[in-house]
């Protein structure tokens, strides 16, 4: 019955129940589940809408051809593999990306989705790779463990949000807890508890946690606070460029491939940083350094030029997510360029090759054709993935709870000005009102 009421009118009181330690555990769990159902209604409904939108008909058609290619490329055990395309073993990561592409098109593990079996088998394989601690991993000694875990966690949280499948919540809970537990510095790096952070893994982690948070999974607010500090630290306030590991620095490149893919042809970390901050409730229209970052992206539009090392599908993916939320002329310019770069260079015909994109991008040697095809499909499906501005409408419930707790402490301060300001803010905080 909660789904009959306006979403905004329900989220705040439900969030108060979830954050109230005095409530019985079963009541708090029910409120969290209701938040998840409402979140699904709010952010996934466009995926189940009309299949063809006239201005984006070419994008949708290309994405659906990509899904047919991905379905044909799936292994018998349910995974998508890099090694079959002479690439490294990042099967957890590319399987997560492939599943996110199907979900973005409104296809879940149940009918009448045309690829329900492929989605079902893909998630079954992912769950078979989950350790008791919650980590999704392919094998020991893997160098990109947390990055791939974040992608898999994101995919599982979206499936639960779209279907309400309670049978998967325990696995997702463990995956989310592992994300939280492995943060070391302000953000994340590739290995658990690293004292260092980077913008790449941090953005993937924040995305996974934010989607899980929207689905009713409690997330330690310190994760958002630390990530926000990291991305702001990495942002050059003069130009708005976001660095990978150095403030305003260059994007990451595979070792030995820096000359092949010039850093000046991409603003991948700037786009990722913008997306990360938007997810945490910052509006690029109201933050000067974010506005500058948007302009940098629009000045560095997608172009299919492999000879110049300009194909960066990772950048196009995050650029689409960030600029779609900005909207207006910035999104129009970006989307026009992106469609020209992606749609026109999709392999013609049907599988085994037709519908894919050649992995001639920065990270193509790592992910192969599964990576390039899944991430291009996701970029094309951006307008259907999440409604514009959804993350700006409400902060995550756990963020409100953390703010409430901090303000409660300040409200007892012996310093009159701090105490009075905290009490006034507390009265307006959804976590306690």
Protein backbone atom coordinates (compact mmCIF):
# COMPACT_ATOMS: atom_id res chain seq x y z
CA UNK A 1 0.00 0.00 0.00
CA UNK A 2 2.93 2.34 0.51
CA UNK A 3 3.41 2.47 -3.26
CA UNK A 4 0.10 4.31 -3.64
CA UNK A 5 1.45 7.44 -1.97
CA UNK A 6 3.91 10.03 -3.33
CA UNK A 7 7.47 8.84 -2.89
CA UNK A 8 8.78 11.98 -1.24
CA UNK A 9 6.04 11.95 1.39
CA UNK A 10 7.01 8.43 2.47
CA UNK A 11 10.79 8.35 2.39
CA UNK A 12 11.41 10.70 5.30
CA UNK A 13 9.12 9.02 7.88
CA UNK A 14 10.36 5.59 6.82
CA UNK A 15 13.96 6.77 7.13
CA UNK A 16 13.18 7.94 10.66
CA UNK A 17 11.94 4.47 11.55
CA UNK A 18 15.06 2.83 10.09
CA UNK A 19 17.38 5.16 12.06
CA UNK A 20 15.45 4.86 15.34
CA UNK A 21 17.29 2.33 17.52
CA UNK A 22 14.26 2.21 19.82
CA UNK A 23 12.11 0.54 17.17
CA UNK A 24 11.82 -3.29 17.13
CA UNK A 25 14.21 -4.90 14.61
CA UNK A 26 11.39 -6.35 12.51
CA UNK A 27 9.74 -2.91 12.20
CA UNK A 28 13.04 -1.32 11.16
CA UNK A 29 13.61 -4.09 8.61
CA UNK A 30 10.12 -3.62 7.19
CA UNK A 31 10.70 0.13 6.85
CA UNK A 32 14.01 -0.49 5.08
CA UNK A 33 12.27 -2.89 2.69
CA UNK A 34 9.59 -0.30 1.96
CA UNK A 35 12.28 2.29 1.23
CA UNK A 36 13.74 -0.16 -1.23
CA UNK A 37 10.40 -0.64 -2.97
CA UNK A 38 9.84 3.10 -3.18
CA UNK A 39 13.40 3.63 -4.42
CA UNK A 40 12.79 1.10 -7.16
CA UNK A 41 9.65 2.94 -8.15
CA UNK A 42 11.50 6.24 -8.24
CA UNK A 43 14.66 5.35 -10.12
CA UNK A 44 13.88 2.34 -12.30
CA UNK A 45 10.46 3.04 -13.74
CA UNK A 46 11.79 4.48 -17.04
CA UNK A 47 13.35 1.10 -17.81
CA UNK A 48 9.91 -0.45 -18.04
CA UNK A 49 8.42 2.36 -20.13
CA UNK A 50 8.13 2.63 -23.92
CA UNK A 51 10.78 0.63 -25.71
CA UNK A 52 11.34 3.23 -28.44
CA UNK A 53 11.82 6.93 -27.80
CA UNK A 54 11.90 8.74 -31.17
CA UNK A 55 14.85 11.08 -30.45
CA UNK A 56 16.87 8.12 -29.18
CA UNK A 57 15.67 5.40 -31.53
CA UNK A 58 19.15 4.75 -32.95
CA UNK A 59 20.67 4.49 -29.47
CA UNK A 60 18.03 2.05 -28.31
CA UNK A 61 18.33 -0.10 -31.42
CA UNK A 62 22.12 -0.25 -31.09
CA UNK A 63 21.86 -1.18 -27.41
CA UNK A 64 19.42 -3.98 -28.15
CA UNK A 65 21.74 -5.36 -30.82
CA UNK A 66 24.52 -5.26 -28.21
CA UNK A 67 22.37 -7.26 -25.80
CA UNK A 68 21.84 -9.92 -28.44
CA UNK A 69 25.60 -10.11 -28.91
CA UNK A 70 26.16 -10.36 -25.15
CA UNK A 71 23.56 -13.11 -24.88
CA UNK A 72 25.34 -15.10 -27.59
CA UNK A 73 28.75 -14.52 -25.96
CA UNK A 74 27.73 -15.86 -22.54
CA UNK A 75 29.52 -19.01 -21.37
CA UNK A 76 27.62 -22.17 -20.46
CA UNK A 77 28.35 -21.66 -16.75
CA UNK A 78 26.65 -18.24 -16.85
CA UNK A 79 29.63 -15.91 -16.85
CA UNK A 80 30.99 -13.59 -19.47
CA UNK A 81 34.69 -14.15 -20.01
CA UNK A 82 37.60 -11.99 -21.08
CA UNK A 83 39.95 -14.87 -21.90
CA UNK A 84 37.84 -16.07 -24.81
CA UNK A 85 38.76 -12.82 -26.52
CA UNK A 86 42.49 -13.12 -25.76
CA UNK A 87 42.27 -10.79 -22.82
CA UNK A 88 43.05 -10.85 -19.09
CA UNK A 89 40.87 -12.61 -16.54
CA UNK A 90 38.41 -10.05 -15.21
CA UNK A 91 35.35 -12.25 -15.49
CA UNK A 92 33.63 -10.99 -12.33
CA UNK A 93 33.91 -7.41 -13.56
CA UNK A 94 32.78 -7.95 -17.13
CA UNK A 95 29.97 -10.27 -15.99
CA UNK A 96 28.76 -7.49 -13.72
CA UNK A 97 28.92 -4.97 -16.57
CA UNK A 98 27.04 -7.29 -18.92
CA UNK A 99 24.30 -7.82 -16.33
CA UNK A 100 24.04 -4.07 -15.73
CA UNK A 101 23.50 -3.61 -19.46
CA UNK A 102 20.56 -6.04 -19.46
CA UNK A 103 19.11 -4.39 -16.36
CA UNK A 104 19.47 -0.94 -17.93
CA UNK A 105 17.24 -2.12 -20.76
CA UNK A 106 14.59 -3.29 -18.28
CA UNK A 107 15.50 -6.97 -18.57
CA UNK A 108 15.66 -8.91 -15.30
CA UNK A 109 15.86 -12.59 -14.40
CA UNK A 110 12.16 -13.17 -14.90
CA UNK A 111 9.75 -13.06 -17.84
CA UNK A 112 8.71 -11.62 -20.19
CA UNK A 113 12.24 -10.27 -20.65
CA UNK A 114 13.70 -11.85 -23.80
CA UNK A 115 17.00 -12.59 -22.06
CA UNK A 116 15.69 -13.58 -18.62
CA UNK A 117 17.60 -16.88 -18.70
CA UNK A 118 20.89 -15.18 -19.49
CA UNK A 119 20.36 -12.71 -16.65
CA UNK A 120 19.37 -15.51 -14.26
CA UNK A 121 22.39 -17.63 -15.20
CA UNK A 122 24.73 -14.63 -14.97
CA UNK A 123 23.66 -13.79 -11.42
CA UNK A 124 23.82 -17.46 -10.43
CA UNK A 125 27.46 -17.54 -11.55
CA UNK A 126 28.25 -14.30 -9.71
CA UNK A 127 26.71 -15.61 -6.51
CA UNK A 128 28.77 -18.81 -6.87
CA UNK A 129 31.89 -16.59 -6.74
CA UNK A 130 30.92 -14.87 -3.48
CA UNK A 131 33.01 -15.71 -0.43
CA UNK A 132 31.51 -16.06 3.09
CA UNK A 133 32.85 -12.55 3.79
CA UNK A 134 30.74 -11.21 0.94
CA UNK A 135 33.48 -10.60 -1.63
CA UNK A 136 32.85 -11.37 -5.29
CA UNK A 137 36.15 -12.65 -6.64
CA UNK A 138 37.54 -14.83 -9.41
CA UNK A 139 40.71 -16.10 -7.78
CA UNK A 140 43.47 -15.42 -5.30
CA UNK A 141 45.99 -12.71 -6.04
CA UNK A 142 43.71 -10.80 -8.38
CA UNK A 143 44.89 -7.21 -8.75
CA UNK A 144 41.52 -5.53 -9.34
CA UNK A 145 39.48 -7.37 -6.71
CA UNK A 146 37.62 -4.42 -5.16
CA UNK A 147 36.89 -2.75 -8.48
CA UNK A 148 35.21 -5.89 -9.79
CA UNK A 149 33.46 -6.48 -6.47
CA UNK A 150 31.95 -2.99 -6.66
CA UNK A 151 30.57 -3.68 -10.15
CA UNK A 152 29.06 -6.99 -9.06
CA UNK A 153 27.54 -5.41 -5.92
CA UNK A 154 26.02 -2.63 -8.04
CA UNK A 155 24.44 -5.18 -10.37
CA UNK A 156 22.99 -7.26 -7.53
CA UNK A 157 21.59 -4.18 -5.76
CA UNK A 158 19.90 -3.06 -8.99
CA UNK A 159 18.34 -6.47 -9.56
CA UNK A 160 16.86 -6.42 -6.06
CA UNK A 161 15.66 -2.86 -6.56
CA UNK A 162 13.95 -3.79 -9.82
CA UNK A 163 12.41 -7.09 -8.72
CA UNK A 164 12.09 -6.88 -4.92
CA UNK A 165 13.63 -10.37 -4.66
CA UNK A 166 14.07 -10.87 -0.92
CA UNK A 167 15.93 -14.16 -1.49
CA UNK A 168 18.93 -12.15 -2.70
CA UNK A 169 19.03 -9.63 0.11
CA UNK A 170 21.37 -11.59 2.37
CA UNK A 171 23.98 -11.96 -0.39
CA UNK A 172 23.63 -8.28 -1.18
CA UNK A 173 23.89 -7.37 2.49
CA UNK A 174 27.20 -9.22 2.77
CA UNK A 175 28.46 -7.61 -0.44
CA UNK A 176 27.57 -4.12 0.79
CA UNK A 177 29.16 -4.79 4.18
CA UNK A 178 32.34 -5.88 2.40
CA UNK A 179 32.40 -2.62 0.45
CA UNK A 180 32.12 -0.69 3.70
CA UNK A 181 34.68 -2.80 5.57
CA UNK A 182 37.38 -2.55 2.90
CA UNK A 183 37.60 1.24 2.77
CA UNK A 184 41.03 2.22 4.03
CA UNK A 185 41.75 5.88 3.44
CA UNK A 186 39.17 8.47 2.47
CA UNK A 187 38.06 6.29 -0.43
CA UNK A 188 39.08 2.94 -1.89
CA UNK A 189 41.90 1.42 -3.88
CA UNK A 190 42.09 -1.98 -5.59
CA UNK A 191 43.02 -3.91 -2.44
CA UNK A 192 41.24 -3.89 0.94
CA UNK A 193 42.10 -1.36 3.61
CA UNK A 194 44.64 0.45 1.47
CA UNK A 195 45.90 3.63 3.09
CA UNK A 196 45.77 5.19 -0.38
CA UNK A 197 42.72 5.87 -2.53
CA UNK A 198 42.02 6.50 -6.19
CA UNK A 199 39.13 8.16 -8.01
CA UNK A 200 38.38 5.15 -10.20
CA UNK A 201 37.68 2.53 -7.53
CA UNK A 202 36.14 5.12 -5.22
CA UNK A 203 33.56 6.10 -7.85
CA UNK A 204 32.61 2.48 -8.57
CA UNK A 205 32.23 1.87 -4.83
CA UNK A 206 30.13 4.97 -4.21
CA UNK A 207 27.88 4.00 -7.12
CA UNK A 208 27.34 0.51 -5.70
CA UNK A 209 26.66 1.81 -2.19
CA UNK A 210 24.36 4.60 -3.35
CA UNK A 211 22.23 2.16 -5.35
CA UNK A 212 22.18 -0.23 -2.39
CA UNK A 213 21.30 2.63 -0.04
CA UNK A 214 18.39 3.57 -2.27
CA UNK A 215 17.20 -0.03 -1.98
CA UNK A 216 17.05 0.03 1.81
CA UNK A 217 20.50 -1.32 2.71
CA UNK A 218 22.08 0.66 5.54
CA UNK A 219 25.47 2.11 4.60
CA UNK A 220 27.96 3.68 7.00
CA UNK A 221 27.76 7.42 6.24
CA UNK A 222 31.51 7.67 6.79
CA UNK A 223 31.90 6.03 3.37
CA UNK A 224 30.16 8.92 1.65
CA UNK A 225 31.89 11.53 3.76
CA UNK A 226 35.34 10.09 3.09
CA UNK A 227 34.66 9.67 -0.62
CA UNK A 228 33.42 13.24 -0.91
CA UNK A 229 36.60 14.48 0.77
CA UNK A 230 38.72 12.42 -1.61
CA UNK A 231 37.06 13.61 -4.82
CA UNK A 232 37.13 17.23 -3.70
CA UNK A 233 40.82 16.86 -2.87
CA UNK A 234 41.46 15.43 -6.33
CA UNK A 235 39.65 18.35 -8.02
CA UNK A 236 41.67 21.29 -9.30
CA UNK A 237 39.60 24.32 -8.17
CA UNK A 238 40.99 26.51 -10.94
CA UNK A 239 40.14 24.33 -13.91
CA UNK A 240 37.80 21.68 -12.47
CA UNK A 241 39.88 18.71 -13.64
CA UNK A 242 39.76 15.67 -11.36
CA UNK A 243 42.85 13.50 -10.97
CA UNK A 244 43.21 9.77 -10.56
CA UNK A 245 45.58 9.87 -7.60
CA UNK A 246 46.94 13.43 -7.77
CA UNK A 247 44.88 16.64 -7.53
CA UNK A 248 44.01 17.74 -11.04
CA UNK A 249 46.27 15.01 -12.43
CA UNK A 250 46.05 12.86 -15.52
CA UNK A 251 43.67 9.90 -15.88
CA UNK A 252 44.92 6.38 -15.32
CA UNK A 253 46.46 4.50 -18.24
CA UNK A 254 47.66 0.88 -18.58
CA UNK A 255 51.36 0.59 -17.89
CA UNK A 256 53.31 1.17 -21.05
CA UNK A 257 50.30 2.55 -22.93
CA UNK A 258 50.55 6.19 -21.90
CA UNK A 259 51.78 7.31 -25.31
CA UNK A 260 49.27 5.16 -27.16
CA UNK A 261 46.36 6.83 -25.31
CA UNK A 262 47.30 10.48 -24.63
CA UNK A 263 45.86 11.79 -21.39
CA UNK A 264 44.80 15.04 -23.01
CA UNK A 265 42.29 13.18 -25.19
CA UNK A 266 40.21 12.20 -22.15
CA UNK A 267 38.56 13.69 -19.07
CA UNK A 268 37.65 10.28 -17.65
CA UNK A 269 38.46 11.07 -14.03
CA UNK A 270 36.70 14.43 -14.25
CA UNK A 271 33.55 12.68 -15.51
CA UNK A 272 33.84 9.97 -12.84
CA UNK A 273 34.37 12.58 -10.11
CA UNK A 274 31.34 14.56 -11.28
CA UNK A 275 29.18 11.44 -11.27
CA UNK A 276 30.43 10.52 -7.80
CA UNK A 277 29.62 13.93 -6.35
CA UNK A 278 26.21 14.04 -8.04
CA UNK A 279 25.38 10.69 -6.45
CA UNK A 280 26.21 12.12 -3.06
CA UNK A 281 23.83 15.03 -3.56
CA UNK A 282 26.02 17.81 -4.97
CA UNK A 283 24.53 19.83 -7.79
CA UNK A 284 27.05 20.73 -10.52
CA UNK A 285 25.01 23.81 -11.33
CA UNK A 286 25.69 25.21 -7.89
CA UNK A 287 29.35 24.27 -7.36
CA UNK A 288 31.86 26.32 -9.34
CA UNK A 289 34.54 23.64 -9.66
CA UNK A 290 31.94 21.14 -10.82
CA UNK A 291 30.67 23.60 -13.43
CA UNK A 292 34.22 23.91 -14.70
CA UNK A 293 34.48 20.11 -14.84
CA UNK A 294 31.34 19.95 -16.95
CA UNK A 295 32.85 22.45 -19.39
CA UNK A 296 36.03 20.39 -19.63
CA UNK A 297 33.98 17.34 -20.60
CA UNK A 298 32.06 19.27 -23.24
CA UNK A 299 35.37 20.53 -24.63
CA UNK A 300 36.60 16.92 -24.88
CA UNK A 301 33.71 15.21 -26.66
CA UNK A 302 33.63 11.53 -27.68
CA UNK A 303 35.26 10.80 -31.01
CA UNK A 304 36.03 7.45 -32.64
CA UNK A 305 39.66 7.85 -33.64
CA UNK A 306 41.66 4.73 -32.71
CA UNK A 307 44.76 5.94 -34.54
CA UNK A 308 44.94 9.02 -32.31
CA UNK A 309 44.26 6.99 -29.16
CA UNK A 310 41.05 8.92 -28.57
CA UNK A 311 38.66 6.00 -27.96
CA UNK A 312 37.95 5.93 -24.21
CA UNK A 313 34.68 4.07 -23.61
CA UNK A 314 35.15 4.29 -19.86
CA UNK A 315 35.15 8.09 -20.21
CA UNK A 316 32.09 8.02 -22.44
CA UNK A 317 30.24 5.88 -19.86
CA UNK A 318 30.86 8.25 -16.96
CA UNK A 319 30.54 11.34 -19.12
CA UNK A 320 27.06 10.21 -20.17
CA UNK A 321 25.99 9.61 -16.56
CA UNK A 322 27.26 12.99 -15.38
CA UNK A 323 26.11 15.14 -18.29
CA UNK A 324 22.69 13.53 -18.51
CA UNK A 325 22.05 14.78 -14.98
CA UNK A 326 23.33 18.23 -15.96
CA UNK A 327 20.94 18.25 -18.94
CA UNK A 328 20.34 21.14 -21.32
CA UNK A 329 22.81 22.12 -24.01
CA UNK A 330 25.65 20.26 -22.31
CA UNK A 331 23.85 16.92 -22.51
CA UNK A 332 22.71 17.60 -26.07
CA UNK A 333 26.26 18.29 -27.27
CA UNK A 334 27.66 15.29 -25.42
CA UNK A 335 24.93 12.90 -26.54
CA UNK A 336 25.13 13.95 -30.19
CA UNK A 337 28.88 13.35 -30.22
CA UNK A 338 28.57 10.10 -28.30
CA UNK A 339 25.94 8.69 -30.66
CA UNK A 340 28.16 9.59 -33.60
CA UNK A 341 31.13 7.86 -32.03
CA UNK A 342 29.37 4.72 -30.79
CA UNK A 343 26.41 3.91 -33.02
CA UNK A 344 28.25 4.39 -36.30
CA UNK A 345 31.05 2.03 -35.28
CA UNK A 346 29.05 -0.93 -34.02
CA UNK A 347 29.93 -4.14 -35.84
CA UNK A 348 27.31 -4.79 -38.57
CA UNK A 349 25.20 -7.92 -38.88
CA UNK A 350 24.41 -10.49 -36.23
CA UNK A 351 26.59 -12.47 -33.78
CA UNK A 352 29.22 -13.83 -33.51
CA UNK A 353 30.61 -10.37 -34.36
CA UNK A 354 27.60 -8.24 -35.25
CA UNK A 355 26.32 -6.05 -32.43
CA UNK A 356 29.65 -5.73 -30.60
CA UNK A 357 32.23 -2.96 -30.53
CA UNK A 358 35.90 -3.61 -31.18
CA UNK A 359 37.95 -3.21 -27.97
CA UNK A 360 40.17 -0.49 -29.40
CA UNK A 361 39.75 1.67 -26.29
CA UNK A 362 42.04 2.45 -23.37
CA UNK A 363 41.06 -0.62 -21.36
CA UNK A 364 40.26 -2.91 -24.28
CA UNK A 365 43.28 -5.11 -23.62
CA UNK A 366 41.92 -5.84 -20.14
CA UNK A 367 38.24 -6.44 -20.82
CA UNK A 368 38.06 -7.40 -24.46
CA UNK A 369 34.89 -7.30 -26.54
CA UNK A 370 32.61 -8.08 -23.58
CA UNK A 371 33.84 -4.98 -21.78
CA UNK A 372 33.66 -2.69 -24.82
CA UNK A 373 30.20 -3.92 -25.81
CA UNK A 374 28.68 -3.81 -22.33
CA UNK A 375 30.01 -0.37 -21.46
CA UNK A 376 28.96 1.12 -24.82
CA UNK A 377 25.46 -0.31 -24.36
CA UNK A 378 25.30 1.21 -20.88
CA UNK A 379 26.37 4.62 -22.21
CA UNK A 380 23.67 4.50 -24.90
CA UNK A 381 21.02 3.47 -22.36
CA UNK A 382 21.84 6.33 -19.97
CA UNK A 383 18.49 8.18 -20.46
CA UNK A 384 16.61 5.06 -19.38
CA UNK A 385 18.78 4.14 -16.41
CA UNK A 386 17.94 6.76 -13.77
CA UNK A 387 15.72 9.85 -13.86
CA UNK A 388 17.56 13.13 -14.18
CA UNK A 389 18.33 14.64 -10.78
CA UNK A 390 17.13 11.67 -8.71
CA UNK A 391 20.15 11.75 -6.42
CA UNK A 392 19.70 15.48 -5.79
CA UNK A 393 16.09 15.14 -4.61
CA UNK A 394 16.85 13.28 -1.39
CA UNK A 395 20.00 12.43 0.47
CA UNK A 396 20.53 8.75 1.35
CA UNK A 397 18.61 7.88 4.53
CA UNK A 398 21.82 6.85 6.26
CA UNK A 399 23.32 10.27 5.55
CA UNK A 400 20.37 11.91 7.26
CA UNK A 401 20.79 9.53 10.19
CA UNK A 402 24.47 10.44 10.52
CA UNK A 403 23.68 14.14 10.33
CA UNK A 404 21.06 13.66 12.98
CA UNK A 405 23.47 11.86 15.31
CA UNK A 406 26.15 14.52 14.88
CA UNK A 407 23.67 17.32 15.46
CA UNK A 408 22.30 15.58 18.55
CA UNK A 409 25.80 15.59 20.05
CA UNK A 410 26.27 19.25 19.15
CA UNK A 411 22.88 20.13 20.64
CA UNK A 412 24.30 19.20 24.04
CA UNK A 413 27.37 21.38 23.64
CA UNK A 414 28.24 23.86 26.43
CA UNK A 415 28.92 26.46 23.72
CA UNK A 416 25.72 28.40 23.30
CA UNK A 417 26.08 29.40 19.63
CA UNK A 418 26.94 25.85 18.54
CA UNK A 419 24.16 24.38 20.68
CA UNK A 420 21.51 26.76 19.32
CA UNK A 421 22.57 26.26 15.68
CA UNK A 422 22.56 22.48 16.10
CA UNK A 423 19.09 22.49 17.65
CA UNK A 424 17.72 24.61 14.81
CA UNK A 425 19.27 22.31 12.19
CA UNK A 426 18.10 19.22 14.08
CA UNK A 427 14.53 20.40 13.85
CA UNK A 428 14.80 20.31 10.06
CA UNK A 429 16.69 17.01 9.75
CA UNK A 430 14.52 14.22 8.25
CA UNK A 431 16.38 11.67 10.34
CA UNK A 432 14.91 13.07 13.59
CA UNK A 433 12.03 15.38 12.80
